[in-house]
Amino acid sequence: MSKKGYVTCRLDPENPPPLTESQKRELEALAAMKDEDIDTSDIPELSEDFFRNGQIGRFYRPVKQQLTLRVDADVVDWFKRHAPDGKGYQTRINLALREYVQAQEKKAG
């Protein structure tokens, strides 16, 4: 359902529409450009601080999978008690599991 004044479009990323001839020509022209011909004057230089303070995966949102999982009641209670208003405890459990997985992967090399 679209609202008045809005146009909605659904795109299947697995099956995109074919490129037009104009789009193909534009891509070919871009591919043929030399790096030094690209105007980067509107892009600020990145300092060492930028890279030193960067966070990998900050906006990464993996696909969630719903499942039934049996967890000890005291563990669930602990996460609920340490979540604001008892909300977000599942997210905190997920984060704890993710940290464990990343530590194991780091340990394995």
PDB file of N, CA and C in Angstrom:
ATOM      1  N   MET A   1       0.847  -1.177   0.000  1.00  0.00           N
ATOM      2  CA  MET A   1       0.000   0.000   0.000  1.00  0.00           C
ATOM      3  C   MET A   1       0.893   1.241   0.000  1.00  0.00           C
ATOM      4  N   SER A   2       0.651   2.162  -0.901  1.00  0.00           N
ATOM      5  CA  SER A   2       1.457   3.373  -0.950  1.00  0.00           C
ATOM      6  C   SER A   2       0.643   4.568  -0.463  1.00  0.00           C
ATOM      7  N   LYS A   3       1.353   5.498   0.164  1.00  0.00           N
ATOM      8  CA  LYS A   3       0.707   6.706   0.645  1.00  0.00           C
ATOM      9  C   LYS A   3       0.632   7.712  -0.499  1.00  0.00           C
ATOM     10  N   LYS A   4      -0.276   8.648  -0.373  1.00  0.00           N
ATOM     11  CA  LYS A   4      -0.439   9.657  -1.399  1.00  0.00           C
ATOM     12  C   LYS A   4       0.862  10.451  -1.549  1.00  0.00           C
ATOM     13  N   GLY A   5       1.330  10.557  -2.772  1.00  0.00           N
ATOM     14  CA  GLY A   5       2.553  11.305  -3.029  1.00  0.00           C
ATOM     15  C   GLY A   5       3.814  10.461  -2.950  1.00  0.00           C
ATOM     16  N   TYR A   6       3.690   9.184  -2.585  1.00  0.00           N
ATOM     17  CA  TYR A   6       4.838   8.301  -2.483  1.00  0.00           C
ATOM     18  C   TYR A   6       4.745   7.230  -3.565  1.00  0.00           C
ATOM     19  N   VAL A   7       5.871   6.854  -4.075  1.00  0.00           N
ATOM     20  CA  VAL A   7       5.930   5.753  -5.024  1.00  0.00           C
ATOM     21  C   VAL A   7       6.760   4.658  -4.375  1.00  0.00           C
ATOM     22  N   THR A   8       6.239   3.465  -4.338  1.00  0.00           N
ATOM     23  CA  THR A   8       6.993   2.357  -3.765  1.00  0.00           C
ATOM     24  C   THR A   8       7.448   1.432  -4.880  1.00  0.00           C
ATOM     25  N   CYS A   9       8.579   0.830  -4.656  1.00  0.00           N
ATOM     26  CA  CYS A   9       9.149  -0.077  -5.641  1.00  0.00           C
ATOM     27  C   CYS A   9       9.804  -1.220  -4.895  1.00  0.00           C
ATOM     28  N   ARG A  10       9.551  -2.418  -5.324  1.00  0.00           N
ATOM     29  CA  ARG A  10      10.187  -3.573  -4.707  1.00  0.00           C
ATOM     30  C   ARG A  10      11.218  -4.120  -5.672  1.00  0.00           C
ATOM     31  N   LEU A  11      12.402  -4.407  -5.134  1.00  0.00           N
ATOM     32  CA  LEU A  11      13.483  -4.922  -5.947  1.00  0.00           C
ATOM     33  C   LEU A  11      13.973  -6.218  -5.337  1.00  0.00           C
ATOM     34  N   ASP A  12      14.056  -7.233  -6.144  1.00  0.00           N
ATOM     35  CA  ASP A  12      14.590  -8.515  -5.699  1.00  0.00           C
ATOM     36  C   ASP A  12      16.085  -8.504  -5.976  1.00  0.00           C
ATOM     37  N   PRO A  13      16.940  -8.399  -4.938  1.00  0.00           N
ATOM     38  CA  PRO A  13      18.385  -8.325  -5.162  1.00  0.00           C
ATOM     39  C   PRO A  13      18.941  -9.570  -5.839  1.00  0.00           C
ATOM     40  N   GLU A  14      18.246 -10.683  -5.734  1.00  0.00           N
ATOM     41  CA  GLU A  14      18.703 -11.908  -6.380  1.00  0.00           C
ATOM     42  C   GLU A  14      18.369 -11.912  -7.869  1.00  0.00           C
ATOM     43  N   ASN A  15      17.435 -11.063  -8.274  1.00  0.00           N
ATOM     44  CA  ASN A  15      16.995 -11.039  -9.660  1.00  0.00           C
ATOM     45  C   ASN A  15      16.748  -9.593 -10.095  1.00  0.00           C
ATOM     46  N   PRO A  16      17.828  -8.786 -10.194  1.00  0.00           N
ATOM     47  CA  PRO A  16      17.638  -7.376 -10.543  1.00  0.00           C
ATOM     48  C   PRO A  16      17.211  -7.225 -11.999  1.00  0.00           C
ATOM     49  N   PRO A  17      16.578  -6.097 -12.313  1.00  0.00           N
ATOM     50  CA  PRO A  17      16.188  -5.874 -13.703  1.00  0.00           C
ATOM     51  C   PRO A  17      17.441  -5.672 -14.562  1.00  0.00           C
ATOM     52  N   PRO A  18      17.377  -5.989 -15.843  1.00  0.00           N
ATOM     53  CA  PRO A  18      18.554  -5.809 -16.701  1.00  0.00           C
ATOM     54  C   PRO A  18      18.903  -4.327 -16.846  1.00  0.00           C
ATOM     55  N   LEU A  19      20.203  -4.047 -17.038  1.00  0.00           N
ATOM     56  CA  LEU A  19      20.650  -2.668 -17.226  1.00  0.00           C
ATOM     57  C   LEU A  19      20.201  -2.161 -18.591  1.00  0.00           C
ATOM     58  N   THR A  20      19.909  -0.868 -18.633  1.00  0.00           N
ATOM     59  CA  THR A  20      19.573  -0.246 -19.913  1.00  0.00           C
ATOM     60  C   THR A  20      20.875  -0.010 -20.682  1.00  0.00           C
ATOM     61  N   GLU A  21      20.765   0.259 -21.963  1.00  0.00           N
ATOM     62  CA  GLU A  21      21.958   0.545 -22.780  1.00  0.00           C
ATOM     63  C   GLU A  21      22.689   1.761 -22.241  1.00  0.00           C
ATOM     64  N   SER A  22      21.939   2.769 -21.811  1.00  0.00           N
ATOM     65  CA  SER A  22      22.527   3.979 -21.245  1.00  0.00           C
ATOM     66  C   SER A  22      23.330   3.648 -19.980  1.00  0.00           C
ATOM     67  N   GLN A  23      22.768   2.813 -19.109  1.00  0.00           N
ATOM     68  CA  GLN A  23      23.465   2.422 -17.882  1.00  0.00           C
ATOM     69  C   GLN A  23      24.733   1.636 -18.207  1.00  0.00           C
ATOM     70  N   LYS A  24      24.658   0.765 -19.203  1.00  0.00           N
ATOM     71  CA  LYS A  24      25.837  -0.013 -19.610  1.00  0.00           C
ATOM     72  C   LYS A  24      26.943   0.910 -20.114  1.00  0.00           C
ATOM     73  N   ARG A  25      26.588   1.900 -20.945  1.00  0.00           N
ATOM     74  CA  ARG A  25      27.585   2.848 -21.460  1.00  0.00           C
ATOM     75  C   ARG A  25      28.219   3.644 -20.318  1.00  0.00           C
ATOM     76  N   GLU A  26      27.400   4.061 -19.351  1.00  0.00           N
ATOM     77  CA  GLU A  26      27.925   4.830 -18.215  1.00  0.00           C
ATOM     78  C   GLU A  26      28.901   3.988 -17.392  1.00  0.00           C
ATOM     79  N   LEU A  27      28.576   2.733 -17.148  1.00  0.00           N
ATOM     80  CA  LEU A  27      29.471   1.855 -16.398  1.00  0.00           C
ATOM     81  C   LEU A  27      30.766   1.600 -17.156  1.00  0.00           C
ATOM     82  N   GLU A  28      30.674   1.432 -18.457  1.00  0.00           N
ATOM     83  CA  GLU A  28      31.873   1.227 -19.264  1.00  0.00           C
ATOM     84  C   GLU A  28      32.778   2.453 -19.215  1.00  0.00           C
ATOM     85  N   ALA A  29      32.180   3.645 -19.283  1.00  0.00           N
ATOM     86  CA  ALA A  29      32.958   4.881 -19.214  1.00  0.00           C
ATOM     87  C   ALA A  29      33.629   5.023 -17.853  1.00  0.00           C
ATOM     88  N   LEU A  30      32.932   4.688 -16.792  1.00  0.00           N
ATOM     89  CA  LEU A  30      33.521   4.760 -15.450  1.00  0.00           C
ATOM     90  C   LEU A  30      34.661   3.757 -15.298  1.00  0.00           C
ATOM     91  N   ALA A  31      34.476   2.555 -15.824  1.00  0.00           N
ATOM     92  CA  ALA A  31      35.513   1.521 -15.720  1.00  0.00           C
ATOM     93  C   ALA A  31      36.768   1.915 -16.493  1.00  0.00           C
ATOM     94  N   ALA A  32      36.592   2.678 -17.560  1.00  0.00           N
ATOM     95  CA  ALA A  32      37.730   3.073 -18.393  1.00  0.00           C
ATOM     96  C   ALA A  32      38.495   4.261 -17.812  1.00  0.00           C
ATOM     97  N   MET A  33      37.923   4.955 -16.822  1.00  0.00           N
ATOM     98  CA  MET A  33      38.584   6.129 -16.241  1.00  0.00           C
ATOM     99  C   MET A  33      39.841   5.730 -15.488  1.00  0.00           C
ATOM    100  N   LYS A  34      40.853   6.580 -15.569  1.00  0.00           N
ATOM    101  CA  LYS A  34      42.065   6.399 -14.778  1.00  0.00           C
ATOM    102  C   LYS A  34      41.792   6.954 -13.375  1.00  0.00           C
ATOM    103  N   ASP A  35      42.447   6.392 -12.374  1.00  0.00           N
ATOM    104  CA  ASP A  35      42.232   6.852 -10.998  1.00  0.00           C
ATOM    105  C   ASP A  35      42.510   8.347 -10.850  1.00  0.00           C
ATOM    106  N   GLU A  36      43.557   8.837 -11.511  1.00  0.00           N
ATOM    107  CA  GLU A  36      43.919  10.254 -11.358  1.00  0.00           C
ATOM    108  C   GLU A  36      42.905  11.193 -12.017  1.00  0.00           C
ATOM    109  N   ASP A  37      42.014  10.658 -12.853  1.00  0.00           N
ATOM    110  CA  ASP A  37      40.984  11.478 -13.487  1.00  0.00           C
ATOM    111  C   ASP A  37      39.729  11.623 -12.622  1.00  0.00           C
ATOM    112  N   ILE A  38      39.682  10.916 -11.514  1.00  0.00           N
ATOM    113  CA  ILE A  38      38.513  10.971 -10.635  1.00  0.00           C
ATOM    114  C   ILE A  38      38.643  12.172  -9.705  1.00  0.00           C
ATOM    115  N   ASP A  39      37.635  13.021  -9.676  1.00  0.00           N
ATOM    116  CA  ASP A  39      37.637  14.220  -8.839  1.00  0.00           C
ATOM    117  C   ASP A  39      37.290  13.841  -7.406  1.00  0.00           C
ATOM    118  N   THR A  40      38.247  13.936  -6.515  1.00  0.00           N
ATOM    119  CA  THR A  40      38.020  13.613  -5.099  1.00  0.00           C
ATOM    120  C   THR A  40      38.096  14.868  -4.227  1.00  0.00           C
ATOM    121  N   SER A  41      37.962  16.039  -4.835  1.00  0.00           N
ATOM    122  CA  SER A  41      38.128  17.287  -4.086  1.00  0.00           C
ATOM    123  C   SER A  41      37.077  17.487  -3.003  1.00  0.00           C
ATOM    124  N   ASP A  42      35.942  16.810  -3.113  1.00  0.00           N
ATOM    125  CA  ASP A  42      34.889  16.974  -2.112  1.00  0.00           C
ATOM    126  C   ASP A  42      34.982  15.932  -0.999  1.00  0.00           C
ATOM    127  N   ILE A  43      36.040  15.123  -1.006  1.00  0.00           N
ATOM    128  CA  ILE A  43      36.223  14.085   0.010  1.00  0.00           C
ATOM    129  C   ILE A  43      37.353  14.522   0.943  1.00  0.00           C
ATOM    130  N   PRO A  44      37.093  14.633   2.247  1.00  0.00           N
ATOM    131  CA  PRO A  44      38.159  15.072   3.158  1.00  0.00           C
ATOM    132  C   PRO A  44      39.232  13.992   3.315  1.00  0.00           C
ATOM    133  N   GLU A  45      40.459  14.447   3.570  1.00  0.00           N
ATOM    134  CA  GLU A  45      41.557  13.523   3.837  1.00  0.00           C
ATOM    135  C   GLU A  45      41.284  12.816   5.169  1.00  0.00           C
ATOM    136  N   LEU A  46      41.640  11.545   5.255  1.00  0.00           N
ATOM    137  CA  LEU A  46      41.454  10.781   6.484  1.00  0.00           C
ATOM    138  C   LEU A  46      42.768  10.752   7.254  1.00  0.00           C
ATOM    139  N   SER A  47      42.689  11.127   8.524  1.00  0.00           N
ATOM    140  CA  SER A  47      43.887  11.174   9.368  1.00  0.00           C
ATOM    141  C   SER A  47      44.126   9.811  10.019  1.00  0.00           C
ATOM    142  N   GLU A  48      45.264   9.675  10.662  1.00  0.00           N
ATOM    143  CA  GLU A  48      45.568   8.440  11.398  1.00  0.00           C
ATOM    144  C   GLU A  48      44.563   8.226  12.527  1.00  0.00           C
ATOM    145  N   ASP A  49      44.077   9.321  13.123  1.00  0.00           N
ATOM    146  CA  ASP A  49      43.078   9.203  14.199  1.00  0.00           C
ATOM    147  C   ASP A  49      41.817   8.512  13.706  1.00  0.00           C
ATOM    148  N   PHE A  50      41.446   8.790  12.471  1.00  0.00           N
ATOM    149  CA  PHE A  50      40.257   8.169  11.902  1.00  0.00           C
ATOM    150  C   PHE A  50      40.395   6.649  11.952  1.00  0.00           C
ATOM    151  N   PHE A  51      41.524   6.147  11.525  1.00  0.00           N
ATOM    152  CA  PHE A  51      41.724   4.702  11.480  1.00  0.00           C
ATOM    153  C   PHE A  51      41.980   4.118  12.874  1.00  0.00           C
ATOM    154  N   ARG A  52      42.641   4.885  13.728  1.00  0.00           N
ATOM    155  CA  ARG A  52      42.928   4.419  15.086  1.00  0.00           C
ATOM    156  C   ARG A  52      41.650   4.282  15.906  1.00  0.00           C
ATOM    157  N   ASN A  53      40.680   5.174  15.677  1.00  0.00           N
ATOM    158  CA  ASN A  53      39.445   5.177  16.465  1.00  0.00           C
ATOM    159  C   ASN A  53      38.296   4.453  15.769  1.00  0.00           C
ATOM    160  N   GLY A  54      38.564   3.867  14.620  1.00  0.00           N
ATOM    161  CA  GLY A  54      37.510   3.184  13.872  1.00  0.00           C
ATOM    162  C   GLY A  54      37.008   1.939  14.588  1.00  0.00           C
ATOM    163  N   GLN A  55      35.779   1.591  14.323  1.00  0.00           N
ATOM    164  CA  GLN A  55      35.177   0.391  14.889  1.00  0.00           C
ATOM    165  C   GLN A  55      34.713  -0.504  13.752  1.00  0.00           C
ATOM    166  N   ILE A  56      35.195  -1.713  13.746  1.00  0.00           N
ATOM    167  CA  ILE A  56      34.814  -2.662  12.709  1.00  0.00           C
ATOM    168  C   ILE A  56      33.433  -3.222  13.021  1.00  0.00           C
ATOM    169  N   GLY A  57      32.583  -3.229  12.024  1.00  0.00           N
ATOM    170  CA  GLY A  57      31.269  -3.851  12.151  1.00  0.00           C
ATOM    171  C   GLY A  57      30.279  -3.100  13.023  1.00  0.00           C
ATOM    172  N   ARG A  58      30.500  -1.827  13.258  1.00  0.00           N
ATOM    173  CA  ARG A  58      29.630  -1.066  14.151  1.00  0.00           C
ATOM    174  C   ARG A  58      28.179  -1.066  13.669  1.00  0.00           C
ATOM    175  N   PHE A  59      27.981  -1.004  12.378  1.00  0.00           N
ATOM    176  CA  PHE A  59      26.622  -0.940  11.850  1.00  0.00           C
ATOM    177  C   PHE A  59      26.186  -2.254  11.224  1.00  0.00           C
ATOM    178  N   TYR A  60      26.998  -3.291  11.395  1.00  0.00           N
ATOM    179  CA  TYR A  60      26.660  -4.603  10.849  1.00  0.00           C
ATOM    180  C   TYR A  60      25.503  -5.193  11.643  1.00  0.00           C
ATOM    181  N   ARG A  61      24.483  -5.624  10.953  1.00  0.00           N
ATOM    182  CA  ARG A  61      23.323  -6.237  11.596  1.00  0.00           C
ATOM    183  C   ARG A  61      23.096  -7.612  10.967  1.00  0.00           C
ATOM    184  N   PRO A  62      23.580  -8.648  11.630  1.00  0.00           N
ATOM    185  CA  PRO A  62      23.406  -9.981  11.054  1.00  0.00           C
ATOM    186  C   PRO A  62      21.939 -10.412  11.067  1.00  0.00           C
ATOM    187  N   VAL A  63      21.639 -11.353  10.226  1.00  0.00           N
ATOM    188  CA  VAL A  63      20.287 -11.902  10.161  1.00  0.00           C
ATOM    189  C   VAL A  63      20.037 -12.711  11.427  1.00  0.00           C
ATOM    190  N   LYS A  64      18.929 -12.469  12.051  1.00  0.00           N
ATOM    191  CA  LYS A  64      18.575 -13.206  13.258  1.00  0.00           C
ATOM    192  C   LYS A  64      17.834 -14.485  12.882  1.00  0.00           C
ATOM    193  N   GLN A  65      18.035 -15.504  13.697  1.00  0.00           N
ATOM    194  CA  GLN A  65      17.325 -16.760  13.499  1.00  0.00           C
ATOM    195  C   GLN A  65      16.556 -17.067  14.774  1.00  0.00           C
ATOM    196  N   GLN A  66      15.255 -17.227  14.640  1.00  0.00           N
ATOM    197  CA  GLN A  66      14.444 -17.528  15.806  1.00  0.00           C
ATOM    198  C   GLN A  66      14.583 -19.007  16.135  1.00  0.00           C
ATOM    199  N   LEU A  67      14.763 -19.298  17.423  1.00  0.00           N
ATOM    200  CA  LEU A  67      14.866 -20.689  17.841  1.00  0.00           C
ATOM    201  C   LEU A  67      14.408 -20.822  19.283  1.00  0.00           C
ATOM    202  N   THR A  68      14.186 -22.045  19.685  1.00  0.00           N
ATOM    203  CA  THR A  68      13.857 -22.329  21.071  1.00  0.00           C
ATOM    204  C   THR A  68      15.128 -22.852  21.718  1.00  0.00           C
ATOM    205  N   LEU A  69      15.493 -22.246  22.837  1.00  0.00           N
ATOM    206  CA  LEU A  69      16.746 -22.581  23.493  1.00  0.00           C
ATOM    207  C   LEU A  69      16.481 -22.711  24.991  1.00  0.00           C
ATOM    208  N   ARG A  70      16.920 -23.798  25.566  1.00  0.00           N
ATOM    209  CA  ARG A  70      16.753 -23.977  27.006  1.00  0.00           C
ATOM    210  C   ARG A  70      17.969 -23.408  27.721  1.00  0.00           C
ATOM    211  N   VAL A  71      17.700 -22.431  28.588  1.00  0.00           N
ATOM    212  CA  VAL A  71      18.751 -21.757  29.344  1.00  0.00           C
ATOM    213  C   VAL A  71      18.377 -21.851  30.808  1.00  0.00           C
ATOM    214  N   ASP A  72      19.361 -22.057  31.665  1.00  0.00           N
ATOM    215  CA  ASP A  72      19.094 -22.140  33.108  1.00  0.00           C
ATOM    216  C   ASP A  72      18.343 -20.894  33.573  1.00  0.00           C
ATOM    217  N   ALA A  73      17.350 -21.114  34.424  1.00  0.00           N
ATOM    218  CA  ALA A  73      16.481 -20.030  34.887  1.00  0.00           C
ATOM    219  C   ALA A  73      17.262 -18.917  35.572  1.00  0.00           C
ATOM    220  N   ASP A  74      18.288 -19.281  36.345  1.00  0.00           N
ATOM    221  CA  ASP A  74      19.053 -18.245  37.040  1.00  0.00           C
ATOM    222  C   ASP A  74      19.851 -17.380  36.064  1.00  0.00           C
ATOM    223  N   VAL A  75      20.270 -17.954  34.955  1.00  0.00           N
ATOM    224  CA  VAL A  75      21.003 -17.189  33.946  1.00  0.00           C
ATOM    225  C   VAL A  75      20.061 -16.185  33.282  1.00  0.00           C
ATOM    226  N   VAL A  76      18.861 -16.657  32.898  1.00  0.00           N
ATOM    227  CA  VAL A  76      17.881 -15.760  32.293  1.00  0.00           C
ATOM    228  C   VAL A  76      17.504 -14.662  33.280  1.00  0.00           C
ATOM    229  N   ASP A  77      17.298 -15.032  34.535  1.00  0.00           N
ATOM    230  CA  ASP A  77      16.940 -14.059  35.570  1.00  0.00           C
ATOM    231  C   ASP A  77      18.027 -13.001  35.714  1.00  0.00           C
ATOM    232  N   TRP A  78      19.295 -13.413  35.677  1.00  0.00           N
ATOM    233  CA  TRP A  78      20.406 -12.464  35.805  1.00  0.00           C
ATOM    234  C   TRP A  78      20.373 -11.455  34.666  1.00  0.00           C
ATOM    235  N   PHE A  79      20.196 -11.942  33.432  1.00  0.00           N
ATOM    236  CA  PHE A  79      20.157 -11.035  32.290  1.00  0.00           C
ATOM    237  C   PHE A  79      18.952 -10.102  32.373  1.00  0.00           C
ATOM    238  N   LYS A  80      17.808 -10.600  32.817  1.00  0.00           N
ATOM    239  CA  LYS A  80      16.624  -9.753  32.953  1.00  0.00           C
ATOM    240  C   LYS A  80      16.839  -8.686  34.024  1.00  0.00           C
ATOM    241  N   ARG A  81      17.465  -9.068  35.149  1.00  0.00           N
ATOM    242  CA  ARG A  81      17.698  -8.106  36.234  1.00  0.00           C
ATOM    243  C   ARG A  81      18.704  -7.031  35.841  1.00  0.00           C
ATOM    244  N   HIS A  82      19.607  -7.345  34.936  1.00  0.00           N
ATOM    245  CA  HIS A  82      20.635  -6.380  34.548  1.00  0.00           C
ATOM    246  C   HIS A  82      20.285  -5.630  33.260  1.00  0.00           C
ATOM    247  N   ALA A  83      19.072  -5.773  32.794  1.00  0.00           N
ATOM    248  CA  ALA A  83      18.597  -5.036  31.621  1.00  0.00           C
ATOM    249  C   ALA A  83      17.642  -3.958  32.099  1.00  0.00           C
ATOM    250  N   PRO A  84      17.689  -2.778  31.476  1.00  0.00           N
ATOM    251  CA  PRO A  84      16.772  -1.707  31.883  1.00  0.00           C
ATOM    252  C   PRO A  84      15.316  -2.158  31.727  1.00  0.00           C
ATOM    253  N   ASP A  85      14.564  -2.083  32.812  1.00  0.00           N
ATOM    254  CA  ASP A  85      13.145  -2.472  32.818  1.00  0.00           C
ATOM    255  C   ASP A  85      12.938  -3.915  32.368  1.00  0.00           C
ATOM    256  N   GLY A  86      13.973  -4.739  32.466  1.00  0.00           N
ATOM    257  CA  GLY A  86      13.863  -6.135  32.048  1.00  0.00           C
ATOM    258  C   GLY A  86      13.774  -6.308  30.544  1.00  0.00           C
ATOM    259  N   LYS A  87      13.991  -5.213  29.807  1.00  0.00           N
ATOM    260  CA  LYS A  87      13.895  -5.276  28.345  1.00  0.00           C
ATOM    261  C   LYS A  87      15.291  -5.384  27.745  1.00  0.00           C
ATOM    262  N   GLY A  88      15.364  -6.062  26.626  1.00  0.00           N
ATOM    263  CA  GLY A  88      16.635  -6.188  25.929  1.00  0.00           C
ATOM    264  C   GLY A  88      17.503  -7.320  26.441  1.00  0.00           C
ATOM    265  N   TYR A  89      16.952  -8.155  27.308  1.00  0.00           N
ATOM    266  CA  TYR A  89      17.783  -9.223  27.867  1.00  0.00           C
ATOM    267  C   TYR A  89      18.190 -10.237  26.805  1.00  0.00           C
ATOM    268  N   GLN A  90      17.337 -10.464  25.813  1.00  0.00           N
ATOM    269  CA  GLN A  90      17.693 -11.406  24.749  1.00  0.00           C
ATOM    270  C   GLN A  90      18.852 -10.857  23.915  1.00  0.00           C
ATOM    271  N   THR A  91      18.836  -9.570  23.661  1.00  0.00           N
ATOM    272  CA  THR A  91      19.932  -8.933  22.933  1.00  0.00           C
ATOM    273  C   THR A  91      21.223  -9.050  23.723  1.00  0.00           C
ATOM    274  N   ARG A  92      21.136  -8.882  25.038  1.00  0.00           N
ATOM    275  CA  ARG A  92      22.335  -8.992  25.875  1.00  0.00           C
ATOM    276  C   ARG A  92      22.863 -10.424  25.909  1.00  0.00           C
ATOM    277  N   ILE A  93      21.975 -11.390  25.917  1.00  0.00           N
ATOM    278  CA  ILE A  93      22.406 -12.796  25.851  1.00  0.00           C
ATOM    279  C   ILE A  93      23.099 -13.037  24.511  1.00  0.00           C
ATOM    280  N   ASN A  94      22.527 -12.510  23.441  1.00  0.00           N
ATOM    281  CA  ASN A  94      23.134 -12.658  22.116  1.00  0.00           C
ATOM    282  C   ASN A  94      24.525 -12.030  22.090  1.00  0.00           C
ATOM    283  N   LEU A  95      24.670 -10.833  22.677  1.00  0.00           N
ATOM    284  CA  LEU A  95      25.976 -10.171  22.707  1.00  0.00           C
ATOM    285  C   LEU A  95      26.995 -10.987  23.498  1.00  0.00           C
ATOM    286  N   ALA A  96      26.565 -11.566  24.609  1.00  0.00           N
ATOM    287  CA  ALA A  96      27.466 -12.400  25.409  1.00  0.00           C
ATOM    288  C   ALA A  96      27.908 -13.620  24.613  1.00  0.00           C
ATOM    289  N   LEU A  97      26.988 -14.241  23.911  1.00  0.00           N
ATOM    290  CA  LEU A  97      27.334 -15.390  23.080  1.00  0.00           C
ATOM    291  C   LEU A  97      28.271 -14.978  21.944  1.00  0.00           C
ATOM    292  N   ARG A  98      28.014 -13.836  21.344  1.00  0.00           N
ATOM    293  CA  ARG A  98      28.879 -13.343  20.259  1.00  0.00           C
ATOM    294  C   ARG A  98      30.298 -13.095  20.771  1.00  0.00           C
ATOM    295  N   GLU A  99      30.426 -12.458  21.939  1.00  0.00           N
ATOM    296  CA  GLU A  99      31.757 -12.218  22.510  1.00  0.00           C
ATOM    297  C   GLU A  99      32.475 -13.537  22.764  1.00  0.00           C
ATOM    298  N   TYR A 100      31.759 -14.540  23.241  1.00  0.00           N
ATOM    299  CA  TYR A 100      32.355 -15.847  23.473  1.00  0.00           C
ATOM    300  C   TYR A 100      32.843 -16.459  22.162  1.00  0.00           C
ATOM    301  N   VAL A 101      32.000 -16.408  21.134  1.00  0.00           N
ATOM    302  CA  VAL A 101      32.365 -16.973  19.827  1.00  0.00           C
ATOM    303  C   VAL A 101      33.592 -16.252  19.273  1.00  0.00           C
ATOM    304  N   GLN A 102      33.616 -14.930  19.344  1.00  0.00           N
ATOM    305  CA  GLN A 102      34.760 -14.172  18.827  1.00  0.00           C
ATOM    306  C   GLN A 102      36.030 -14.494  19.605  1.00  0.00           C
ATOM    307  N   ALA A 103      35.921 -14.663  20.914  1.00  0.00           N
ATOM    308  CA  ALA A 103      37.099 -15.024  21.722  1.00  0.00           C
ATOM    309  C   ALA A 103      37.621 -16.395  21.333  1.00  0.00           C
ATOM    310  N   GLN A 104      36.709 -17.335  21.079  1.00  0.00           N
ATOM    311  CA  GLN A 104      37.120 -18.684  20.682  1.00  0.00           C
ATOM    312  C   GLN A 104      37.795 -18.669  19.303  1.00  0.00           C
ATOM    313  N   GLU A 105      37.239 -17.869  18.394  1.00  0.00           N
ATOM    314  CA  GLU A 105      37.830 -17.768  17.057  1.00  0.00           C
ATOM    315  C   GLU A 105      39.210 -17.133  17.120  1.00  0.00           C
ATOM    316  N   LYS A 106      39.353 -16.104  17.985  1.00  0.00           N
ATOM    317  CA  LYS A 106      40.646 -15.456  18.139  1.00  0.00           C
ATOM    318  C   LYS A 106      41.674 -16.410  18.734  1.00  0.00           C
ATOM    319  N   LYS A 107      41.216 -17.205  19.708  1.00  0.00           N
ATOM    320  CA  LYS A 107      42.094 -18.174  20.353  1.00  0.00           C
ATOM    321  C   LYS A 107      42.541 -19.253  19.358  1.00  0.00           C
ATOM    322  N   ALA A 108      41.627 -19.646  18.471  1.00  0.00           N
ATOM    323  CA  ALA A 108      41.930 -20.693  17.480  1.00  0.00           C
ATOM    324  C   ALA A 108      42.857 -20.166  16.389  1.00  0.00           C
ATOM    325  N   GLY A 109      42.912 -18.856  16.245  1.00  0.00           N
ATOM    326  CA  GLY A 109      43.818 -18.257  15.254  1.00  0.00           C
ATOM    327  C   GLY A 109      43.140 -18.076  13.980  1.00  0.00           C
TER     328      GLY A 109
END
